[in-house]
Amino acid sequence: LDHLVDLGVDTLYLTPVFPGESNHRYNASTFDEVDELLGGDEAYRRLV
């Protein structure tokens, strides 16, 4: 994140983080949890 701060960014936009059988995750299998391959809800909590 310090790379973003150094660049002068103030808003981070992530493409989908919900589980889906693809690298883009636009084919979500649920909207209720974050993909464990990304670290799950706990990693999302740390990032937010």
All heavy atoms as atom14 arrays in JSON, in Angstrom:
{
  "sequence": "LDHLVDLGVDTLYLTPVFPGESNHRYNASTFDEVDELLGGDEAYRRLV",
  "atom14_mask": [
    [1, 1, 1, 1, 1, 1, 1, 1, 0, 0, 0, 0, 0, 0],
    [1, 1, 1, 1, 1, 1, 1, 1, 0, 0, 0, 0, 0, 0],
    [1, 1, 1, 1, 1, 1, 1, 1, 1, 1, 0, 0, 0, 0],
    [1, 1, 1, 1, 1, 1, 1, 1, 0, 0, 0, 0, 0, 0],
    [1, 1, 1, 1, 1, 1, 1, 0, 0, 0, 0, 0, 0, 0],
    [1, 1, 1, 1, 1, 1, 1, 1, 0, 0, 0, 0, 0, 0],
    [1, 1, 1, 1, 1, 1, 1, 1, 0, 0, 0, 0, 0, 0],
    [1, 1, 1, 1, 0, 0, 0, 0, 0, 0, 0, 0, 0, 0],
    [1, 1, 1, 1, 1, 1, 1, 0, 0, 0, 0, 0, 0, 0],
    [1, 1, 1, 1, 1, 1, 1, 1, 0, 0, 0, 0, 0, 0],
    [1, 1, 1, 1, 1, 1, 1, 0, 0, 0, 0, 0, 0, 0],
    [1, 1, 1, 1, 1, 1, 1, 1, 0, 0, 0, 0, 0, 0],
    [1, 1, 1, 1, 1, 1, 1, 1, 1, 1, 1, 1, 0, 0],
    [1, 1, 1, 1, 1, 1, 1, 1, 0, 0, 0, 0, 0, 0],
    [1, 1, 1, 1, 1, 1, 1, 0, 0, 0, 0, 0, 0, 0],
    [1, 1, 1, 1, 1, 1, 1, 0, 0, 0, 0, 0, 0, 0],
    [1, 1, 1, 1, 1, 1, 1, 0, 0, 0, 0, 0, 0, 0],
    [1, 1, 1, 1, 1, 1, 1, 1, 1, 1, 1, 0, 0, 0],
    [1, 1, 1, 1, 1, 1, 1, 0, 0, 0, 0, 0, 0, 0],
    [1, 1, 1, 1, 0, 0, 0, 0, 0, 0, 0, 0, 0, 0],
    [1, 1, 1, 1, 1, 1, 1, 1, 1, 0, 0, 0, 0, 0],
    [1, 1, 1, 1, 1, 1, 0, 0, 0, 0, 0, 0, 0, 0],
    [1, 1, 1, 1, 1, 1, 1, 1, 0, 0, 0, 0, 0, 0],
    [1, 1, 1, 1, 1, 1, 1, 1, 1, 1, 0, 0, 0, 0],
    [1, 1, 1, 1, 1, 1, 1, 1, 1, 1, 1, 0, 0, 0],
    [1, 1, 1, 1, 1, 1, 1, 1, 1, 1, 1, 1, 0, 0],
    [1, 1, 1, 1, 1, 1, 1, 1, 0, 0, 0, 0, 0, 0],
    [1, 1, 1, 1, 1, 0, 0, 0, 0, 0, 0, 0, 0, 0],
    [1, 1, 1, 1, 1, 1, 0, 0, 0, 0, 0, 0, 0, 0],
    [1, 1, 1, 1, 1, 1, 1, 0, 0, 0, 0, 0, 0, 0],
    [1, 1, 1, 1, 1, 1, 1, 1, 1, 1, 1, 0, 0, 0],
    [1, 1, 1, 1, 1, 1, 1, 1, 0, 0, 0, 0, 0, 0],
    [1, 1, 1, 1, 1, 1, 1, 1, 1, 0, 0, 0, 0, 0],
    [1, 1, 1, 1, 1, 1, 1, 0, 0, 0, 0, 0, 0, 0],
    [1, 1, 1, 1, 1, 1, 1, 1, 0, 0, 0, 0, 0, 0],
    [1, 1, 1, 1, 1, 1, 1, 1, 1, 0, 0, 0, 0, 0],
    [1, 1, 1, 1, 1, 1, 1, 1, 0, 0, 0, 0, 0, 0],
    [1, 1, 1, 1, 1, 1, 1, 1, 0, 0, 0, 0, 0, 0],
    [1, 1, 1, 1, 0, 0, 0, 0, 0, 0, 0, 0, 0, 0],
    [1, 1, 1, 1, 0, 0, 0, 0, 0, 0, 0, 0, 0, 0],
    [1, 1, 1, 1, 1, 1, 1, 1, 0, 0, 0, 0, 0, 0],
    [1, 1, 1, 1, 1, 1, 1, 1, 1, 0, 0, 0, 0, 0],
    [1, 1, 1, 1, 1, 0, 0, 0, 0, 0, 0, 0, 0, 0],
    [1, 1, 1, 1, 1, 1, 1, 1, 1, 1, 1, 1, 0, 0],
    [1, 1, 1, 1, 1, 1, 1, 1, 1, 1, 1, 0, 0, 0],
    [1, 1, 1, 1, 1, 1, 1, 1, 1, 1, 1, 0, 0, 0],
    [1, 1, 1, 1, 1, 1, 1, 1, 0, 0, 0, 0, 0, 0],
    [1, 1, 1, 1, 1, 1, 1, 0, 0, 0, 0, 0, 0, 0]
  ],
  "atom14_positions": [
    [[0.82, -1.22, 0.0], [0.0, 0.0, 0.0], [0.84, 1.26, 0.0], [0.4, 2.3, -0.5], [-0.93, 0.01, 1.21], [-2.14, -0.93, 1.16], [-2.92, -0.86, 2.47], [-3.06, -0.58, -0.02], [0.0, 0.0, 0.0], [0.0, 0.0, 0.0], [0.0, 0.0, 0.0], [0.0, 0.0, 0.0], [0.0, 0.0, 0.0], [0.0, 0.0, 0.0]],
    [[2.06, 1.18, 0.52], [2.91, 2.38, 0.53], [3.26, 2.83, -0.89], [3.53, 4.01, -1.12], [4.18, 2.14, 1.35], [3.9, 2.05, 2.85], [2.8, 2.49, 3.27], [4.75, 1.54, 3.58], [0.0, 0.0, 0.0], [0.0, 0.0, 0.0], [0.0, 0.0, 0.0], [0.0, 0.0, 0.0], [0.0, 0.0, 0.0], [0.0, 0.0, 0.0]],
    [[3.25, 1.9, -1.83], [3.48, 2.27, -3.23], [2.36, 3.19, -3.71], [2.61, 4.17, -4.42], [3.54, 1.01, -4.1], [3.55, 1.29, -5.57], [4.63, 1.86, -6.21], [2.59, 1.1, -6.53], [4.35, 1.99, -7.5], [3.12, 1.55, -7.72], [0.0, 0.0, 0.0], [0.0, 0.0, 0.0], [0.0, 0.0, 0.0], [0.0, 0.0, 0.0]],
    [[1.13, 2.89, -3.31], [-0.01, 3.73, -3.69], [0.1, 5.11, -3.06], [-0.13, 6.13, -3.72], [-1.32, 3.07, -3.29], [-1.89, 1.98, -4.19], [-0.97, 0.77, -4.24], [-3.27, 1.57, -3.74], [0.0, 0.0, 0.0], [0.0, 0.0, 0.0], [0.0, 0.0, 0.0], [0.0, 0.0, 0.0], [0.0, 0.0, 0.0], [0.0, 0.0, 0.0]],
    [[0.45, 5.13, -1.78], [0.57, 6.41, -1.07], [1.66, 7.26, -1.71], [1.47, 8.47, -1.94], [0.87, 6.16, 0.42], [1.14, 7.48, 1.13], [-0.3, 5.43, 1.08], [0.0, 0.0, 0.0], [0.0, 0.0, 0.0], [0.0, 0.0, 0.0], [0.0, 0.0, 0.0], [0.0, 0.0, 0.0], [0.0, 0.0, 0.0], [0.0, 0.0, 0.0]],
    [[2.79, 6.65, -2.03], [3.88, 7.37, -2.66], [3.48, 7.94, -4.01], [3.9, 9.03, -4.4], [5.09, 6.44, -2.83], [6.23, 7.09, -3.59], [6.91, 7.96, -3.01], [6.43, 6.76, -4.79], [0.0, 0.0, 0.0], [0.0, 0.0, 0.0], [0.0, 0.0, 0.0], [0.0, 0.0, 0.0], [0.0, 0.0, 0.0], [0.0, 0.0, 0.0]],
    [[2.61, 7.23, -4.72], [2.17, 7.66, -6.05], [1.19, 8.83, -5.97], [1.02, 9.56, -6.95], [1.53, 6.47, -6.76], [1.37, 6.52, -8.27], [2.73, 6.63, -8.96], [0.63, 5.27, -8.75], [0.0, 0.0, 0.0], [0.0, 0.0, 0.0], [0.0, 0.0, 0.0], [0.0, 0.0, 0.0], [0.0, 0.0, 0.0], [0.0, 0.0, 0.0]],
    [[0.55, 9.01, -4.82], [-0.44, 10.06, -4.66], [-1.87, 9.58, -4.78], [-2.8, 10.37, -4.89], [0.0, 0.0, 0.0], [0.0, 0.0, 0.0], [0.0, 0.0, 0.0], [0.0, 0.0, 0.0], [0.0, 0.0, 0.0], [0.0, 0.0, 0.0], [0.0, 0.0, 0.0], [0.0, 0.0, 0.0], [0.0, 0.0, 0.0], [0.0, 0.0, 0.0]],
    [[-2.04, 8.25, -4.73], [-3.37, 7.64, -4.8], [-4.09, 7.83, -3.47], [-3.47, 7.77, -2.41], [-3.23, 6.15, -5.16], [-4.52, 5.39, -4.92], [-2.74, 5.99, -6.59], [0.0, 0.0, 0.0], [0.0, 0.0, 0.0], [0.0, 0.0, 0.0], [0.0, 0.0, 0.0], [0.0, 0.0, 0.0], [0.0, 0.0, 0.0], [0.0, 0.0, 0.0]],
    [[-5.41, 8.01, -3.52], [-6.17, 8.06, -2.28], [-7.37, 7.12, -2.26], [-8.1, 7.07, -1.28], [-6.61, 9.48, -1.94], [-7.32, 10.17, -3.09], [-7.99, 9.48, -3.89], [-7.21, 11.41, -3.21], [0.0, 0.0, 0.0], [0.0, 0.0, 0.0], [0.0, 0.0, 0.0], [0.0, 0.0, 0.0], [0.0, 0.0, 0.0], [0.0, 0.0, 0.0]],
    [[-7.58, 6.36, -3.36], [-8.7, 5.41, -3.41], [-8.24, 4.14, -4.11], [-7.72, 4.2, -5.23], [-9.9, 6.01, -4.16], [-10.33, 7.2, -3.48], [-11.06, 5.02, -4.21], [0.0, 0.0, 0.0], [0.0, 0.0, 0.0], [0.0, 0.0, 0.0], [0.0, 0.0, 0.0], [0.0, 0.0, 0.0], [0.0, 0.0, 0.0], [0.0, 0.0, 0.0]],
    [[-8.44, 3.02, -3.44], [-8.1, 1.7, -3.99], [-9.38, 1.02, -4.45], [-10.34, 0.91, -3.7], [-7.43, 0.86, -2.91], [-7.21, -0.63, -3.21], [-6.28, -0.82, -4.4], [-6.65, -1.34, -1.97], [0.0, 0.0, 0.0], [0.0, 0.0, 0.0], [0.0, 0.0, 0.0], [0.0, 0.0, 0.0], [0.0, 0.0, 0.0], [0.0, 0.0, 0.0]],
    [[-9.39, 0.6, -5.71], [-10.51, -0.15, -6.26], [-10.03, -1.56, -6.63], [-9.1, -1.71, -7.41], [-11.1, 0.57, -7.47], [-11.76, -0.33, -8.5], [-12.73, -1.26, -8.12], [-11.41, -0.24, -9.84], [-13.32, -2.1, -9.06], [-12.01, -1.06, -10.79], [-12.95, -1.99, -10.4], [-13.52, -2.82, -11.32], [0.0, 0.0, 0.0], [0.0, 0.0, 0.0]],
    [[-10.67, -2.57, -6.04], [-10.34, -3.97, -6.31], [-11.41, -4.59, -7.19], [-12.6, -4.44, -6.92], [-10.27, -4.78, -5.02], [-9.26, -4.42, -3.95], [-9.34, -5.42, -2.81], [-7.85, -4.4, -4.51], [0.0, 0.0, 0.0], [0.0, 0.0, 0.0], [0.0, 0.0, 0.0], [0.0, 0.0, 0.0], [0.0, 0.0, 0.0], [0.0, 0.0, 0.0]],
    [[-11.0, -5.32, -8.23], [-11.95, -6.16, -8.93], [-12.39, -7.27, -7.96], [-11.85, -7.39, -6.86], [-11.32, -6.72, -10.22], [-10.14, -7.44, -9.9], [-11.0, -5.6, -11.19], [0.0, 0.0, 0.0], [0.0, 0.0, 0.0], [0.0, 0.0, 0.0], [0.0, 0.0, 0.0], [0.0, 0.0, 0.0], [0.0, 0.0, 0.0], [0.0, 0.0, 0.0]],
    [[-13.38, -8.11, -8.31], [-14.07, -8.93, -7.3], [-13.15, -9.79, -6.42], [-12.13, -10.31, -6.87], [-14.98, -9.81, -8.14], [-15.3, -8.98, -9.32], [-14.02, -8.25, -9.64], [0.0, 0.0, 0.0], [0.0, 0.0, 0.0], [0.0, 0.0, 0.0], [0.0, 0.0, 0.0], [0.0, 0.0, 0.0], [0.0, 0.0, 0.0], [0.0, 0.0, 0.0]],
    [[-13.59, -9.93, -5.18], [-12.85, -10.76, -4.21], [-13.69, -11.95, -3.75], [-13.22, -12.74, -2.93], [-12.43, -9.92, -2.99], [-11.5, -8.79, -3.41], [-13.64, -9.37, -2.25], [0.0, 0.0, 0.0], [0.0, 0.0, 0.0], [0.0, 0.0, 0.0], [0.0, 0.0, 0.0], [0.0, 0.0, 0.0], [0.0, 0.0, 0.0], [0.0, 0.0, 0.0]],
    [[-14.9, -12.1, -4.28], [-15.73, -13.24, -3.89], [-15.25, -14.5, -4.62], [-14.64, -14.42, -5.7], [-17.2, -12.97, -4.23], [-17.74, -11.73, -3.59], [-18.22, -10.67, -4.37], [-17.78, -11.6, -2.21], [-18.72, -9.52, -3.78], [-18.28, -10.45, -1.62], [-18.74, -9.4, -2.39], [0.0, 0.0, 0.0], [0.0, 0.0, 0.0], [0.0, 0.0, 0.0]],
    [[-15.5, -15.68, -4.07], [-15.03, -16.9, -4.72], [-15.66, -17.07, -6.1], [-16.82, -16.73, -6.33], [-15.51, -18.02, -3.77], [-15.8, -17.35, -2.47], [-16.2, -15.95, -2.8], [0.0, 0.0, 0.0], [0.0, 0.0, 0.0], [0.0, 0.0, 0.0], [0.0, 0.0, 0.0], [0.0, 0.0, 0.0], [0.0, 0.0, 0.0], [0.0, 0.0, 0.0]],
    [[-14.87, -17.59, -7.01], [-15.34, -17.88, -8.36], [-14.3, -18.72, -9.06], [-13.1, -18.57, -8.82], [0.0, 0.0, 0.0], [0.0, 0.0, 0.0], [0.0, 0.0, 0.0], [0.0, 0.0, 0.0], [0.0, 0.0, 0.0], [0.0, 0.0, 0.0], [0.0, 0.0, 0.0], [0.0, 0.0, 0.0], [0.0, 0.0, 0.0], [0.0, 0.0, 0.0]],
    [[-14.72, -19.6, -9.92], [-13.8, -20.53, -10.57], [-13.12, -19.89, -11.78], [-13.23, -20.35, -12.92], [-14.54, -21.82, -10.94], [-15.03, -22.58, -9.71], [-15.69, -23.9, -10.07], [-15.94, -24.15, -11.26], [-15.97, -24.68, -9.14], [0.0, 0.0, 0.0], [0.0, 0.0, 0.0], [0.0, 0.0, 0.0], [0.0, 0.0, 0.0], [0.0, 0.0, 0.0]],
    [[-12.43, -18.8, -11.52], [-11.68, -18.09, -12.56], [-10.72, -17.14, -11.87], [-10.84, -16.87, -10.67], [-12.62, -17.29, -13.47], [-13.22, -16.22, -12.74], [0.0, 0.0, 0.0], [0.0, 0.0, 0.0], [0.0, 0.0, 0.0], [0.0, 0.0, 0.0], [0.0, 0.0, 0.0], [0.0, 0.0, 0.0], [0.0, 0.0, 0.0], [0.0, 0.0, 0.0]],
    [[-9.77, -16.61, -12.65], [-8.84, -15.63, -12.06], [-9.47, -14.26, -11.9], [-9.0, -13.44, -11.11], [-7.55, -15.54, -12.89], [-7.82, -15.3, -14.37], [-8.68, -14.53, -14.75], [-7.05, -15.98, -15.23], [0.0, 0.0, 0.0], [0.0, 0.0, 0.0], [0.0, 0.0, 0.0], [0.0, 0.0, 0.0], [0.0, 0.0, 0.0], [0.0, 0.0, 0.0]],
    [[-10.56, -13.98, -12.65], [-11.18, -12.65, -12.56], [-12.3, -12.58, -11.51], [-12.66, -11.51, -11.06], [-11.72, -12.22, -13.92], [-12.67, -13.2, -14.56], [-13.93, -13.45, -14.08], [-12.53, -13.99, -15.66], [-14.54, -14.34, -14.84], [-13.72, -14.7, -15.81], [0.0, 0.0, 0.0], [0.0, 0.0, 0.0], [0.0, 0.0, 0.0], [0.0, 0.0, 0.0]],
    [[-12.88, -13.73, -11.18], [-13.88, -13.83, -10.11], [-15.19, -13.07, -10.41], [-15.96, -12.82, -9.49], [-13.3, -13.39, -8.76], [-12.15, -14.25, -8.27], [-11.61, -13.8, -6.92], [-10.65, -14.74, -6.4], [-9.33, -14.72, -6.7], [-8.86, -13.78, -7.5], [-8.52, -15.64, -6.2], [0.0, 0.0, 0.0], [0.0, 0.0, 0.0], [0.0, 0.0, 0.0]],
    [[-15.45, -12.76, -11.66], [-16.74, -12.17, -11.99], [-17.83, -13.24, -12.09], [-19.0, -12.9, -12.28], [-16.65, -11.38, -13.31], [-15.98, -10.04, -13.13], [-14.67, -9.83, -13.54], [-16.64, -8.98, -12.53], [-14.03, -8.6, -13.37], [-16.03, -7.74, -12.34], [-14.72, -7.57, -12.76], [-14.11, -6.35, -12.58], [0.0, 0.0, 0.0], [0.0, 0.0, 0.0]],
    [[-17.46, -14.5, -11.95], [-18.43, -15.61, -11.91], [-18.56, -16.1, -10.47], [-18.29, -17.25, -10.15], [-18.02, -16.74, -12.85], [-16.61, -17.25, -12.56], [-15.79, -16.54, -11.97], [-16.31, -18.47, -12.97], [0.0, 0.0, 0.0], [0.0, 0.0, 0.0], [0.0, 0.0, 0.0], [0.0, 0.0, 0.0], [0.0, 0.0, 0.0], [0.0, 0.0, 0.0]],
    [[-19.03, -15.22, -9.6], [-19.05, -15.49, -8.16], [-19.91, -16.7, -7.8], [-20.96, -16.93, -8.39], [-19.56, -14.26, -7.41], [0.0, 0.0, 0.0], [0.0, 0.0, 0.0], [0.0, 0.0, 0.0], [0.0, 0.0, 0.0], [0.0, 0.0, 0.0], [0.0, 0.0, 0.0], [0.0, 0.0, 0.0], [0.0, 0.0, 0.0], [0.0, 0.0, 0.0]],
    [[-19.46, -17.46, -6.8], [-20.24, -18.58, -6.27], [-20.98, -18.19, -4.99], [-21.85, -18.92, -4.53], [-19.33, -19.79, -6.0], [-18.31, -19.45, -5.08], [0.0, 0.0, 0.0], [0.0, 0.0, 0.0], [0.0, 0.0, 0.0], [0.0, 0.0, 0.0], [0.0, 0.0, 0.0], [0.0, 0.0, 0.0], [0.0, 0.0, 0.0], [0.0, 0.0, 0.0]],
    [[-20.63, -17.04, -4.43], [-21.35, -16.47, -3.29], [-20.93, -15.02, -3.15], [-19.84, -14.62, -3.6], [-21.05, -17.21, -1.99], [-21.82, -16.63, -0.92], [-19.58, -17.13, -1.61], [0.0, 0.0, 0.0], [0.0, 0.0, 0.0], [0.0, 0.0, 0.0], [0.0, 0.0, 0.0], [0.0, 0.0, 0.0], [0.0, 0.0, 0.0], [0.0, 0.0, 0.0]],
    [[-21.81, -14.21, -2.55], [-21.46, -12.83, -2.2], [-21.29, -12.67, -0.69], [-21.17, -11.54, -0.2], [-22.55, -11.87, -2.68], [-22.72, -11.82, -4.18], [-23.98, -11.97, -4.75], [-21.64, -11.62, -5.01], [-24.16, -11.91, -6.12], [-21.79, -11.56, -6.39], [-23.07, -11.72, -6.95], [0.0, 0.0, 0.0], [0.0, 0.0, 0.0], [0.0, 0.0, 0.0]],
    [[-21.28, -13.79, 0.02], [-21.3, -13.73, 1.48], [-19.94, -13.87, 2.12], [-19.81, -13.69, 3.33], [-22.22, -14.83, 2.03], [-23.69, -14.54, 1.74], [-24.03, -13.37, 1.5], [-24.49, -15.5, 1.73], [0.0, 0.0, 0.0], [0.0, 0.0, 0.0], [0.0, 0.0, 0.0], [0.0, 0.0, 0.0], [0.0, 0.0, 0.0], [0.0, 0.0, 0.0]],
    [[-18.91, -14.19, 1.33], [-17.58, -14.35, 1.92], [-16.51, -14.07, 0.88], [-16.77, -14.09, -0.33], [-17.4, -15.76, 2.46], [-17.48, -16.85, 1.41], [-17.42, -18.25, 2.01], [-17.99, -18.44, 3.1], [-16.79, -19.12, 1.38], [0.0, 0.0, 0.0], [0.0, 0.0, 0.0], [0.0, 0.0, 0.0], [0.0, 0.0, 0.0], [0.0, 0.0, 0.0]],
    [[-15.31, -13.79, 1.34], [-14.17, -13.52, 0.48], [-13.46, -14.84, 0.16], [-13.35, -15.73, 1.0], [-13.21, -12.53, 1.17], [-11.93, -12.33, 0.37], [-13.92, -11.19, 1.4], [0.0, 0.0, 0.0], [0.0, 0.0, 0.0], [0.0, 0.0, 0.0], [0.0, 0.0, 0.0], [0.0, 0.0, 0.0], [0.0, 0.0, 0.0], [0.0, 0.0, 0.0]],
    [[-12.98, -14.92, -1.06], [-12.3, -16.13, -1.53], [-11.12, -16.48, -0.62], [-10.26, -15.63, -0.35], [-11.81, -15.88, -2.96], [-11.44, -17.16, -3.69], [-11.17, -18.18, -3.03], [-11.41, -17.12, -4.94], [0.0, 0.0, 0.0], [0.0, 0.0, 0.0], [0.0, 0.0, 0.0], [0.0, 0.0, 0.0], [0.0, 0.0, 0.0], [0.0, 0.0, 0.0]],
    [[-11.09, -17.73, -0.16], [-9.98, -18.19, 0.67], [-8.66, -18.15, -0.09], [-7.59, -18.05, 0.52], [-10.25, -19.6, 1.18], [-11.34, -19.67, 2.25], [-10.96, -18.93, 3.52], [-9.75, -18.79, 3.81], [-11.88, -18.47, 4.23], [0.0, 0.0, 0.0], [0.0, 0.0, 0.0], [0.0, 0.0, 0.0], [0.0, 0.0, 0.0], [0.0, 0.0, 0.0]],
    [[-8.69, -18.24, -1.41], [-7.46, -18.14, -2.19], [-6.84, -16.75, -2.09], [-5.64, -16.56, -2.36], [-7.74, -18.45, -3.67], [-8.17, -19.89, -3.97], [-8.61, -20.01, -5.42], [-7.04, -20.86, -3.67], [0.0, 0.0, 0.0], [0.0, 0.0, 0.0], [0.0, 0.0, 0.0], [0.0, 0.0, 0.0], [0.0, 0.0, 0.0], [0.0, 0.0, 0.0]],
    [[-7.65, -15.77, -1.7], [-7.15, -14.41, -1.46], [-6.82, -14.16, 0.0], [-6.32, -13.08, 0.34], [-8.19, -13.39, -1.93], [-8.48, -13.32, -3.43], [-9.65, -12.38, -3.7], [-7.25, -12.87, -4.2], [0.0, 0.0, 0.0], [0.0, 0.0, 0.0], [0.0, 0.0, 0.0], [0.0, 0.0, 0.0], [0.0, 0.0, 0.0], [0.0, 0.0, 0.0]],
    [[-7.12, -15.11, 0.85], [-6.89, -14.96, 2.28], [-8.16, -14.87, 3.11], [-8.1, -14.76, 4.34], [0.0, 0.0, 0.0], [0.0, 0.0, 0.0], [0.0, 0.0, 0.0], [0.0, 0.0, 0.0], [0.0, 0.0, 0.0], [0.0, 0.0, 0.0], [0.0, 0.0, 0.0], [0.0, 0.0, 0.0], [0.0, 0.0, 0.0], [0.0, 0.0, 0.0]],
    [[-9.32, -14.91, 2.44], [-10.59, -14.93, 3.15], [-10.94, -13.6, 3.8], [-10.29, -12.57, 3.59], [0.0, 0.0, 0.0], [0.0, 0.0, 0.0], [0.0, 0.0, 0.0], [0.0, 0.0, 0.0], [0.0, 0.0, 0.0], [0.0, 0.0, 0.0], [0.0, 0.0, 0.0], [0.0, 0.0, 0.0], [0.0, 0.0, 0.0], [0.0, 0.0, 0.0]],
    [[-12.01, -13.65, 4.6], [-12.5, -12.43, 5.27], [-11.44, -11.79, 6.15], [-11.36, -10.56, 6.27], [-13.72, -12.77, 6.13], [-14.96, -13.09, 5.31], [-14.83, -13.21, 4.07], [-16.04, -13.23, 5.9], [0.0, 0.0, 0.0], [0.0, 0.0, 0.0], [0.0, 0.0, 0.0], [0.0, 0.0, 0.0], [0.0, 0.0, 0.0], [0.0, 0.0, 0.0]],
    [[-10.59, -12.62, 6.77], [-9.56, -12.08, 7.67], [-8.57, -11.2, 6.93], [-8.2, -10.11, 7.39], [-8.84, -13.22, 8.38], [-9.72, -14.06, 9.3], [-10.51, -15.12, 8.53], [-10.31, -15.26, 7.3], [-11.33, -15.81, 9.16], [0.0, 0.0, 0.0], [0.0, 0.0, 0.0], [0.0, 0.0, 0.0], [0.0, 0.0, 0.0], [0.0, 0.0, 0.0]],
    [[-8.15, -11.63, 5.76], [-7.21, -10.83, 4.97], [-7.89, -9.56, 4.46], [-7.25, -8.5, 4.37], [-6.66, -11.65, 3.81], [0.0, 0.0, 0.0], [0.0, 0.0, 0.0], [0.0, 0.0, 0.0], [0.0, 0.0, 0.0], [0.0, 0.0, 0.0], [0.0, 0.0, 0.0], [0.0, 0.0, 0.0], [0.0, 0.0, 0.0], [0.0, 0.0, 0.0]],
    [[-9.17, -9.67, 4.11], [-9.91, -8.49, 3.67], [-10.01, -7.48, 4.82], [-9.85, -6.27, 4.6], [-11.3, -8.92, 3.22], [-11.97, -8.03, 2.19], [-11.23, -7.28, 1.29], [-13.36, -7.99, 2.1], [-11.85, -6.5, 0.33], [-14.0, -7.21, 1.14], [-13.24, -6.47, 0.26], [-13.87, -5.7, -0.7], [0.0, 0.0, 0.0], [0.0, 0.0, 0.0]],
    [[-10.22, -7.98, 6.02], [-10.27, -7.11, 7.18], [-8.94, -6.36, 7.35], [-8.92, -5.15, 7.61], [-10.56, -7.96, 8.42], [-10.48, -7.28, 9.78], [-11.76, -6.54, 10.09], [-11.81, -5.21, 9.49], [-12.93, -4.64, 9.07], [-14.08, -5.25, 9.14], [-12.89, -3.43, 8.55], [0.0, 0.0, 0.0], [0.0, 0.0, 0.0], [0.0, 0.0, 0.0]],
    [[-7.84, -7.08, 7.19], [-6.53, -6.44, 7.33], [-6.32, -5.38, 6.25], [-5.78, -4.3, 6.52], [-5.41, -7.5, 7.26], [-5.36, -8.42, 8.48], [-4.12, -9.29, 8.48], [-4.17, -10.34, 7.47], [-4.71, -11.55, 7.65], [-5.28, -11.83, 8.82], [-4.67, -12.45, 6.69], [0.0, 0.0, 0.0], [0.0, 0.0, 0.0], [0.0, 0.0, 0.0]],
    [[-6.75, -5.68, 5.03], [-6.57, -4.72, 3.94], [-7.44, -3.48, 4.14], [-6.96, -2.35, 3.97], [-6.91, -5.39, 2.6], [-6.88, -4.48, 1.37], [-5.5, -3.85, 1.18], [-7.3, -5.24, 0.12], [0.0, 0.0, 0.0], [0.0, 0.0, 0.0], [0.0, 0.0, 0.0], [0.0, 0.0, 0.0], [0.0, 0.0, 0.0], [0.0, 0.0, 0.0]],
    [[-8.7, -3.67, 4.48], [-9.59, -2.53, 4.7], [-9.05, -1.64, 5.81], [-9.01, -0.4, 5.68], [-11.02, -3.02, 5.02], [-11.89, -1.86, 5.51], [-11.65, -3.67, 3.79], [0.0, 0.0, 0.0], [0.0, 0.0, 0.0], [0.0, 0.0, 0.0], [0.0, 0.0, 0.0], [0.0, 0.0, 0.0], [0.0, 0.0, 0.0], [0.0, 0.0, 0.0]]
  ]
}
